[in-house]
Amino acid sequence: MAIIDPEDFAGKEVARVYIAGRLSEAQQVEKTLSENGVDYAVDAEPFEIHILGILPSRHEGLAFYVLSGQAHFCREILRRSQLVTGLVEEEFQ
């Protein structure tokens, strides 16, 4: 499995599982998801970090989306691969 066009997820419930702020980080996420047979879509998305814990700094990153039914599994394999910096925990609406 591998990267797919975001339009392939049209009409399906998806979940954001990771936002990578660096290219090397994005490549590791891609490798981990692909090696575990997960189809995923990638899209540029802004994110915010806090410098010294207080000063907000906005950046552009790559967000990884998977089918909602695979989100928990994907978060677990990313954790096991020590990819936790940009991990997006379950989002409630």
PDB file of N, CA and C in Angstrom:
ATOM      1  N   MET A   1       0.845  -1.167   0.000  1.00  0.00           N
ATOM      2  CA  MET A   1       0.000   0.000   0.000  1.00  0.00           C
ATOM      3  C   MET A   1       0.894   1.234   0.000  1.00  0.00           C
ATOM      4  N   ALA A   2       0.295   2.368  -0.325  1.00  0.00           N
ATOM      5  CA  ALA A   2       1.131   3.553  -0.441  1.00  0.00           C
ATOM      6  C   ALA A   2       0.292   4.823  -0.467  1.00  0.00           C
ATOM      7  N   ILE A   3       0.962   5.883  -0.844  1.00  0.00           N
ATOM      8  CA  ILE A   3       0.311   7.173  -0.928  1.00  0.00           C
ATOM      9  C   ILE A   3      -0.743   7.137  -2.033  1.00  0.00           C
ATOM     10  N   ILE A   4      -1.870   7.756  -1.751  1.00  0.00           N
ATOM     11  CA  ILE A   4      -2.937   7.827  -2.745  1.00  0.00           C
ATOM     12  C   ILE A   4      -3.383   9.278  -2.877  1.00  0.00           C
ATOM     13  N   ASP A   5      -4.107   9.566  -3.909  1.00  0.00           N
ATOM     14  CA  ASP A   5      -4.647  10.904  -4.129  1.00  0.00           C
ATOM     15  C   ASP A   5      -5.728  11.169  -3.086  1.00  0.00           C
ATOM     16  N   PRO A   6      -5.728  12.341  -2.461  1.00  0.00           N
ATOM     17  CA  PRO A   6      -6.771  12.635  -1.460  1.00  0.00           C
ATOM     18  C   PRO A   6      -8.189  12.453  -1.999  1.00  0.00           C
ATOM     19  N   GLU A   7      -8.375  12.622  -3.298  1.00  0.00           N
ATOM     20  CA  GLU A   7      -9.706  12.436  -3.892  1.00  0.00           C
ATOM     21  C   GLU A   7     -10.173  10.988  -3.807  1.00  0.00           C
ATOM     22  N   ASP A   8      -9.236  10.051  -3.668  1.00  0.00           N
ATOM     23  CA  ASP A   8      -9.607   8.641  -3.524  1.00  0.00           C
ATOM     24  C   ASP A   8     -10.326   8.379  -2.199  1.00  0.00           C
ATOM     25  N   PHE A   9     -10.176   9.302  -1.252  1.00  0.00           N
ATOM     26  CA  PHE A   9     -10.866   9.193   0.035  1.00  0.00           C
ATOM     27  C   PHE A   9     -12.219   9.918   0.025  1.00  0.00           C
ATOM     28  N   ALA A  10     -12.590  10.499  -1.108  1.00  0.00           N
ATOM     29  CA  ALA A  10     -13.842  11.252  -1.197  1.00  0.00           C
ATOM     30  C   ALA A  10     -15.020  10.379  -0.770  1.00  0.00           C
ATOM     31  N   GLY A  11     -15.849  10.926   0.098  1.00  0.00           N
ATOM     32  CA  GLY A  11     -17.030  10.210   0.575  1.00  0.00           C
ATOM     33  C   GLY A  11     -16.740   9.217   1.686  1.00  0.00           C
ATOM     34  N   LYS A  12     -15.489   9.118   2.096  1.00  0.00           N
ATOM     35  CA  LYS A  12     -15.106   8.196   3.163  1.00  0.00           C
ATOM     36  C   LYS A  12     -14.664   8.992   4.384  1.00  0.00           C
ATOM     37  N   GLU A  13     -14.851   8.408   5.549  1.00  0.00           N
ATOM     38  CA  GLU A  13     -14.434   9.065   6.776  1.00  0.00           C
ATOM     39  C   GLU A  13     -12.938   8.852   6.964  1.00  0.00           C
ATOM     40  N   VAL A  14     -12.205   9.967   7.074  1.00  0.00           N
ATOM     41  CA  VAL A  14     -10.757   9.899   7.236  1.00  0.00           C
ATOM     42  C   VAL A  14     -10.337  10.568   8.545  1.00  0.00           C
ATOM     43  N   ALA A  15      -9.132  10.259   8.974  1.00  0.00           N
ATOM     44  CA  ALA A  15      -8.583  10.846  10.195  1.00  0.00           C
ATOM     45  C   ALA A  15      -7.156  11.299   9.928  1.00  0.00           C
ATOM     46  N   ARG A  16      -6.821  12.454  10.476  1.00  0.00           N
ATOM     47  CA  ARG A  16      -5.442  12.936  10.411  1.00  0.00           C
ATOM     48  C   ARG A  16      -4.680  12.253  11.537  1.00  0.00           C
ATOM     49  N   VAL A  17      -3.553  11.618  11.203  1.00  0.00           N
ATOM     50  CA  VAL A  17      -2.811  10.885  12.222  1.00  0.00           C
ATOM     51  C   VAL A  17      -1.441  11.486  12.516  1.00  0.00           C
ATOM     52  N   TYR A  18      -0.923  12.313  11.611  1.00  0.00           N
ATOM     53  CA  TYR A  18       0.411  12.856  11.822  1.00  0.00           C
ATOM     54  C   TYR A  18       0.589  14.134  11.024  1.00  0.00           C
ATOM     55  N   ILE A  19       1.346  15.079  11.587  1.00  0.00           N
ATOM     56  CA  ILE A  19       1.777  16.266  10.849  1.00  0.00           C
ATOM     57  C   ILE A  19       3.296  16.335  10.965  1.00  0.00           C
ATOM     58  N   ALA A  20       3.968  16.179   9.832  1.00  0.00           N
ATOM     59  CA  ALA A  20       5.430  16.201   9.801  1.00  0.00           C
ATOM     60  C   ALA A  20       5.907  17.614   9.488  1.00  0.00           C
ATOM     61  N   GLY A  21       6.833  18.086  10.290  1.00  0.00           N
ATOM     62  CA  GLY A  21       7.370  19.421  10.096  1.00  0.00           C
ATOM     63  C   GLY A  21       8.662  19.441   9.296  1.00  0.00           C
ATOM     64  N   ARG A  22       9.262  18.263   9.088  1.00  0.00           N
ATOM     65  CA  ARG A  22      10.522  18.152   8.345  1.00  0.00           C
ATOM     66  C   ARG A  22      10.393  17.063   7.288  1.00  0.00           C
ATOM     67  N   LEU A  23      11.126  17.231   6.200  1.00  0.00           N
ATOM     68  CA  LEU A  23      11.075  16.257   5.111  1.00  0.00           C
ATOM     69  C   LEU A  23      11.513  14.874   5.581  1.00  0.00           C
ATOM     70  N   SER A  24      12.582  14.809   6.350  1.00  0.00           N
ATOM     71  CA  SER A  24      13.069  13.503   6.817  1.00  0.00           C
ATOM     72  C   SER A  24      12.024  12.806   7.691  1.00  0.00           C
ATOM     73  N   GLU A  25      11.320  13.588   8.485  1.00  0.00           N
ATOM     74  CA  GLU A  25      10.253  13.037   9.334  1.00  0.00           C
ATOM     75  C   GLU A  25       9.118  12.504   8.462  1.00  0.00           C
ATOM     76  N   ALA A  26       8.733  13.275   7.436  1.00  0.00           N
ATOM     77  CA  ALA A  26       7.664  12.842   6.522  1.00  0.00           C
ATOM     78  C   ALA A  26       8.048  11.550   5.812  1.00  0.00           C
ATOM     79  N   GLN A  27       9.308  11.435   5.428  1.00  0.00           N
ATOM     80  CA  GLN A  27       9.766  10.221   4.755  1.00  0.00           C
ATOM     81  C   GLN A  27       9.690   9.016   5.679  1.00  0.00           C
ATOM     82  N   GLN A  28       9.993   9.200   6.953  1.00  0.00           N
ATOM     83  CA  GLN A  28       9.899   8.092   7.913  1.00  0.00           C
ATOM     84  C   GLN A  28       8.446   7.675   8.117  1.00  0.00           C
ATOM     85  N   VAL A  29       7.538   8.659   8.180  1.00  0.00           N
ATOM     86  CA  VAL A  29       6.112   8.345   8.330  1.00  0.00           C
ATOM     87  C   VAL A  29       5.635   7.566   7.105  1.00  0.00           C
ATOM     88  N   GLU A  30       5.996   8.032   5.911  1.00  0.00           N
ATOM     89  CA  GLU A  30       5.615   7.329   4.682  1.00  0.00           C
ATOM     90  C   GLU A  30       6.114   5.887   4.697  1.00  0.00           C
ATOM     91  N   LYS A  31       7.362   5.705   5.066  1.00  0.00           N
ATOM     92  CA  LYS A  31       7.954   4.362   5.095  1.00  0.00           C
ATOM     93  C   LYS A  31       7.214   3.462   6.083  1.00  0.00           C
ATOM     94  N   THR A  32       6.936   3.989   7.271  1.00  0.00           N
ATOM     95  CA  THR A  32       6.258   3.200   8.301  1.00  0.00           C
ATOM     96  C   THR A  32       4.858   2.791   7.858  1.00  0.00           C
ATOM     97  N   LEU A  33       4.098   3.732   7.322  1.00  0.00           N
ATOM     98  CA  LEU A  33       2.735   3.412   6.877  1.00  0.00           C
ATOM     99  C   LEU A  33       2.763   2.422   5.717  1.00  0.00           C
ATOM    100  N   SER A  34       3.656   2.651   4.754  1.00  0.00           N
ATOM    101  CA  SER A  34       3.741   1.761   3.589  1.00  0.00           C
ATOM    102  C   SER A  34       4.137   0.347   3.983  1.00  0.00           C
ATOM    103  N   GLU A  35       5.131   0.219   4.868  1.00  0.00           N
ATOM    104  CA  GLU A  35       5.582  -1.105   5.297  1.00  0.00           C
ATOM    105  C   GLU A  35       4.504  -1.881   6.045  1.00  0.00           C
ATOM    106  N   ASN A  36       3.514  -1.152   6.562  1.00  0.00           N
ATOM    107  CA  ASN A  36       2.429  -1.804   7.305  1.00  0.00           C
ATOM    108  C   ASN A  36       1.153  -1.910   6.480  1.00  0.00           C
ATOM    109  N   GLY A  37       1.259  -1.701   5.179  1.00  0.00           N
ATOM    110  CA  GLY A  37       0.133  -1.924   4.281  1.00  0.00           C
ATOM    111  C   GLY A  37      -0.991  -0.922   4.386  1.00  0.00           C
ATOM    112  N   VAL A  38      -0.664   0.320   4.738  1.00  0.00           N
ATOM    113  CA  VAL A  38      -1.690   1.349   4.929  1.00  0.00           C
ATOM    114  C   VAL A  38      -1.722   2.301   3.733  1.00  0.00           C
ATOM    115  N   ASP A  39      -2.907   2.523   3.177  1.00  0.00           N
ATOM    116  CA  ASP A  39      -3.094   3.579   2.189  1.00  0.00           C
ATOM    117  C   ASP A  39      -3.249   4.887   2.947  1.00  0.00           C
ATOM    118  N   TYR A  40      -2.605   5.938   2.455  1.00  0.00           N
ATOM    119  CA  TYR A  40      -2.673   7.232   3.138  1.00  0.00           C
ATOM    120  C   TYR A  40      -2.618   8.349   2.107  1.00  0.00           C
ATOM    121  N   ALA A  41      -3.148   9.485   2.479  1.00  0.00           N
ATOM    122  CA  ALA A  41      -3.087  10.687   1.648  1.00  0.00           C
ATOM    123  C   ALA A  41      -2.291  11.737   2.414  1.00  0.00           C
ATOM    124  N   VAL A  42      -1.631  12.605   1.663  1.00  0.00           N
ATOM    125  CA  VAL A  42      -0.800  13.647   2.257  1.00  0.00           C
ATOM    126  C   VAL A  42      -1.264  14.988   1.721  1.00  0.00           C
ATOM    127  N   ASP A  43      -1.297  15.989   2.617  1.00  0.00           N
ATOM    128  CA  ASP A  43      -1.698  17.326   2.215  1.00  0.00           C
ATOM    129  C   ASP A  43      -0.917  18.343   3.045  1.00  0.00           C
ATOM    130  N   ALA A  44      -0.558  19.456   2.427  1.00  0.00           N
ATOM    131  CA  ALA A  44       0.122  20.526   3.160  1.00  0.00           C
ATOM    132  C   ALA A  44      -0.864  21.148   4.139  1.00  0.00           C
ATOM    133  N   GLU A  45      -0.379  21.421   5.333  1.00  0.00           N
ATOM    134  CA  GLU A  45      -1.257  21.966   6.367  1.00  0.00           C
ATOM    135  C   GLU A  45      -0.445  22.806   7.360  1.00  0.00           C
ATOM    136  N   PRO A  46      -0.980  23.937   7.785  1.00  0.00           N
ATOM    137  CA  PRO A  46      -0.259  24.741   8.776  1.00  0.00           C
ATOM    138  C   PRO A  46      -0.322  24.083  10.153  1.00  0.00           C
ATOM    139  N   PHE A  47       0.727  24.301  10.941  1.00  0.00           N
ATOM    140  CA  PHE A  47       0.711  23.843  12.325  1.00  0.00           C
ATOM    141  C   PHE A  47       1.464  24.868  13.160  1.00  0.00           C
ATOM    142  N   GLU A  48       1.283  24.784  14.442  1.00  0.00           N
ATOM    143  CA  GLU A  48       1.872  25.759  15.349  1.00  0.00           C
ATOM    144  C   GLU A  48       2.687  25.063  16.422  1.00  0.00           C
ATOM    145  N   ILE A  49       3.866  25.622  16.694  1.00  0.00           N
ATOM    146  CA  ILE A  49       4.668  25.160  17.821  1.00  0.00           C
ATOM    147  C   ILE A  49       4.873  26.347  18.745  1.00  0.00           C
ATOM    148  N   HIS A  50       5.246  26.075  19.965  1.00  0.00           N
ATOM    149  CA  HIS A  50       5.495  27.146  20.926  1.00  0.00           C
ATOM    150  C   HIS A  50       6.971  27.148  21.316  1.00  0.00           C
ATOM    151  N   ILE A  51       7.631  28.235  20.981  1.00  0.00           N
ATOM    152  CA  ILE A  51       9.042  28.392  21.313  1.00  0.00           C
ATOM    153  C   ILE A  51       9.144  28.761  22.787  1.00  0.00           C
ATOM    154  N   LEU A  52       9.998  28.043  23.484  1.00  0.00           N
ATOM    155  CA  LEU A  52      10.148  28.213  24.939  1.00  0.00           C
ATOM    156  C   LEU A  52       8.840  27.967  25.678  1.00  0.00           C
ATOM    157  N   GLY A  53       7.954  27.245  25.029  1.00  0.00           N
ATOM    158  CA  GLY A  53       6.684  26.902  25.661  1.00  0.00           C
ATOM    159  C   GLY A  53       5.648  28.005  25.670  1.00  0.00           C
ATOM    160  N   ILE A  54       5.993  29.198  25.147  1.00  0.00           N
ATOM    161  CA  ILE A  54       5.025  30.300  25.212  1.00  0.00           C
ATOM    162  C   ILE A  54       4.852  31.085  23.913  1.00  0.00           C
ATOM    163  N   LEU A  55       5.886  31.209  23.111  1.00  0.00           N
ATOM    164  CA  LEU A  55       5.808  32.024  21.900  1.00  0.00           C
ATOM    165  C   LEU A  55       5.352  31.183  20.716  1.00  0.00           C
ATOM    166  N   PRO A  56       4.143  31.451  20.181  1.00  0.00           N
ATOM    167  CA  PRO A  56       3.641  30.651  19.062  1.00  0.00           C
ATOM    168  C   PRO A  56       4.413  30.937  17.773  1.00  0.00           C
ATOM    169  N   SER A  57       4.669  29.901  17.018  1.00  0.00           N
ATOM    170  CA  SER A  57       5.367  30.010  15.742  1.00  0.00           C
ATOM    171  C   SER A  57       4.650  29.114  14.737  1.00  0.00           C
ATOM    172  N   ARG A  58       4.135  29.711  13.651  1.00  0.00           N
ATOM    173  CA  ARG A  58       3.382  28.953  12.647  1.00  0.00           C
ATOM    174  C   ARG A  58       4.321  28.440  11.557  1.00  0.00           C
ATOM    175  N   HIS A  59       4.049  27.213  11.110  1.00  0.00           N
ATOM    176  CA  HIS A  59       4.847  26.559  10.083  1.00  0.00           C
ATOM    177  C   HIS A  59       3.926  25.799   9.136  1.00  0.00           C
ATOM    178  N   GLU A  60       4.492  25.373   8.022  1.00  0.00           N
ATOM    179  CA  GLU A  60       3.762  24.533   7.069  1.00  0.00           C
ATOM    180  C   GLU A  60       4.334  23.124   7.179  1.00  0.00           C
ATOM    181  N   GLY A  61       3.473  22.139   7.261  1.00  0.00           N
ATOM    182  CA  GLY A  61       3.919  20.751   7.371  1.00  0.00           C
ATOM    183  C   GLY A  61       3.134  19.861   6.437  1.00  0.00           C
ATOM    184  N   LEU A  62       3.412  18.585   6.499  1.00  0.00           N
ATOM    185  CA  LEU A  62       2.680  17.601   5.712  1.00  0.00           C
ATOM    186  C   LEU A  62       1.814  16.771   6.643  1.00  0.00           C
ATOM    187  N   ALA A  63       0.511  16.823   6.399  1.00  0.00           N
ATOM    188  CA  ALA A  63      -0.440  16.068   7.211  1.00  0.00           C
ATOM    189  C   ALA A  63      -0.730  14.738   6.517  1.00  0.00           C
ATOM    190  N   PHE A  64      -0.770  13.682   7.318  1.00  0.00           N
ATOM    191  CA  PHE A  64      -1.042  12.335   6.822  1.00  0.00           C
ATOM    192  C   PHE A  64      -2.444  11.922   7.252  1.00  0.00           C
ATOM    193  N   TYR A  65      -3.243  11.483   6.283  1.00  0.00           N
ATOM    194  CA  TYR A  65      -4.617  11.070   6.516  1.00  0.00           C
ATOM    195  C   TYR A  65      -4.786   9.603   6.146  1.00  0.00           C
ATOM    196  N   VAL A  66      -5.560   8.892   6.954  1.00  0.00           N
ATOM    197  CA  VAL A  66      -5.873   7.484   6.698  1.00  0.00           C
ATOM    198  C   VAL A  66      -7.377   7.295   6.894  1.00  0.00           C
ATOM    199  N   LEU A  67      -7.884   6.150   6.473  1.00  0.00           N
ATOM    200  CA  LEU A  67      -9.291   5.849   6.751  1.00  0.00           C
ATOM    201  C   LEU A  67      -9.483   5.789   8.264  1.00  0.00           C
ATOM    202  N   SER A  68     -10.582   6.319   8.741  1.00  0.00           N
ATOM    203  CA  SER A  68     -10.837   6.392  10.185  1.00  0.00           C
ATOM    204  C   SER A  68     -10.710   5.045  10.877  1.00  0.00           C
ATOM    205  N   GLY A  69     -11.123   3.995  10.215  1.00  0.00           N
ATOM    206  CA  GLY A  69     -11.049   2.665  10.807  1.00  0.00           C
ATOM    207  C   GLY A  69      -9.621   2.183  11.039  1.00  0.00           C
ATOM    208  N   GLN A  70      -8.659   2.794  10.388  1.00  0.00           N
ATOM    209  CA  GLN A  70      -7.258   2.417  10.550  1.00  0.00           C
ATOM    210  C   GLN A  70      -6.480   3.380  11.435  1.00  0.00           C
ATOM    211  N   ALA A  71      -7.114   4.448  11.883  1.00  0.00           N
ATOM    212  CA  ALA A  71      -6.411   5.502  12.610  1.00  0.00           C
ATOM    213  C   ALA A  71      -5.733   4.993  13.880  1.00  0.00           C
ATOM    214  N   HIS A  72      -6.427   4.217  14.689  1.00  0.00           N
ATOM    215  CA  HIS A  72      -5.835   3.729  15.934  1.00  0.00           C
ATOM    216  C   HIS A  72      -4.602   2.868  15.643  1.00  0.00           C
ATOM    217  N   PHE A  73      -4.735   1.944  14.696  1.00  0.00           N
ATOM    218  CA  PHE A  73      -3.611   1.093  14.287  1.00  0.00           C
ATOM    219  C   PHE A  73      -2.427   1.940  13.818  1.00  0.00           C
ATOM    220  N   CYS A  74      -2.700   2.954  12.989  1.00  0.00           N
ATOM    221  CA  CYS A  74      -1.632   3.799  12.452  1.00  0.00           C
ATOM    222  C   CYS A  74      -0.929   4.579  13.554  1.00  0.00           C
ATOM    223  N   ARG A  75      -1.686   5.102  14.487  1.00  0.00           N
ATOM    224  CA  ARG A  75      -1.065   5.826  15.606  1.00  0.00           C
ATOM    225  C   ARG A  75      -0.160   4.901  16.418  1.00  0.00           C
ATOM    226  N   GLU A  76      -0.579   3.679  16.593  1.00  0.00           N
ATOM    227  CA  GLU A  76       0.230   2.715  17.349  1.00  0.00           C
ATOM    228  C   GLU A  76       1.525   2.369  16.620  1.00  0.00           C
ATOM    229  N   ILE A  77       1.456   2.130  15.323  1.00  0.00           N
ATOM    230  CA  ILE A  77       2.687   1.777  14.602  1.00  0.00           C
ATOM    231  C   ILE A  77       3.625   2.977  14.509  1.00  0.00           C
ATOM    232  N   LEU A  78       3.074   4.169  14.428  1.00  0.00           N
ATOM    233  CA  LEU A  78       3.925   5.361  14.417  1.00  0.00           C
ATOM    234  C   LEU A  78       4.600   5.537  15.775  1.00  0.00           C
ATOM    235  N   ARG A  79       3.861   5.302  16.855  1.00  0.00           N
ATOM    236  CA  ARG A  79       4.449   5.362  18.201  1.00  0.00           C
ATOM    237  C   ARG A  79       5.581   4.349  18.346  1.00  0.00           C
ATOM    238  N   ARG A  80       5.323   3.125  17.918  1.00  0.00           N
ATOM    239  CA  ARG A  80       6.349   2.073  18.011  1.00  0.00           C
ATOM    240  C   ARG A  80       7.593   2.422  17.204  1.00  0.00           C
ATOM    241  N   SER A  81       7.426   3.204  16.154  1.00  0.00           N
ATOM    242  CA  SER A  81       8.554   3.637  15.325  1.00  0.00           C
ATOM    243  C   SER A  81       9.182   4.921  15.860  1.00  0.00           C
ATOM    244  N   GLN A  82       8.750   5.331  17.037  1.00  0.00           N
ATOM    245  CA  GLN A  82       9.238   6.527  17.720  1.00  0.00           C
ATOM    246  C   GLN A  82       8.959   7.812  16.939  1.00  0.00           C
ATOM    247  N   LEU A  83       7.878   7.811  16.174  1.00  0.00           N
ATOM    248  CA  LEU A  83       7.421   9.000  15.468  1.00  0.00           C
ATOM    249  C   LEU A  83       6.280   9.603  16.282  1.00  0.00           C
ATOM    250  N   VAL A  84       6.638  10.422  17.250  1.00  0.00           N
ATOM    251  CA  VAL A  84       5.637  10.957  18.163  1.00  0.00           C
ATOM    252  C   VAL A  84       5.535  12.477  18.144  1.00  0.00           C
ATOM    253  N   THR A  85       6.539  13.164  17.600  1.00  0.00           N
ATOM    254  CA  THR A  85       6.547  14.620  17.620  1.00  0.00           C
ATOM    255  C   THR A  85       5.300  15.205  16.962  1.00  0.00           C
ATOM    256  N   GLY A  86       4.921  14.698  15.806  1.00  0.00           N
ATOM    257  CA  GLY A  86       3.773  15.234  15.079  1.00  0.00           C
ATOM    258  C   GLY A  86       2.537  14.360  15.152  1.00  0.00           C
ATOM    259  N   LEU A  87       2.537  13.408  16.059  1.00  0.00           N
ATOM    260  CA  LEU A  87       1.404  12.501  16.180  1.00  0.00           C
ATOM    261  C   LEU A  87       0.151  13.263  16.583  1.00  0.00           C
ATOM    262  N   VAL A  88      -0.915  13.039  15.852  1.00  0.00           N
ATOM    263  CA  VAL A  88      -2.202  13.691  16.129  1.00  0.00           C
ATOM    264  C   VAL A  88      -3.079  12.652  16.810  1.00  0.00           C
ATOM    265  N   GLU A  89      -3.362  12.887  18.076  1.00  0.00           N
ATOM    266  CA  GLU A  89      -4.208  11.951  18.816  1.00  0.00           C
ATOM    267  C   GLU A  89      -5.637  12.068  18.323  1.00  0.00           C
ATOM    268  N   GLU A  90      -6.451  11.166  18.736  1.00  0.00           N
ATOM    269  CA  GLU A  90      -7.847  11.134  18.305  1.00  0.00           C
ATOM    270  C   GLU A  90      -8.514  12.488  18.465  1.00  0.00           C
ATOM    271  N   GLU A  91      -9.166  12.924  17.405  1.00  0.00           N
ATOM    272  CA  GLU A  91      -9.852  14.216  17.401  1.00  0.00           C
ATOM    273  C   GLU A  91     -11.341  13.988  17.615  1.00  0.00           C
ATOM    274  N   PHE A  92     -11.899  14.694  18.565  1.00  0.00           N
ATOM    275  CA  PHE A  92     -13.330  14.585  18.829  1.00  0.00           C
ATOM    276  C   PHE A  92     -14.035  15.806  18.285  1.00  0.00           C
ATOM    277  N   GLN A  93     -15.209  15.589  17.720  1.00  0.00           N
ATOM    278  CA  GLN A  93     -15.957  16.711  17.138  1.00  0.00           C
ATOM    279  C   GLN A  93     -17.132  17.072  17.989  1.00  0.00           C
TER     280      GLN A  93
END
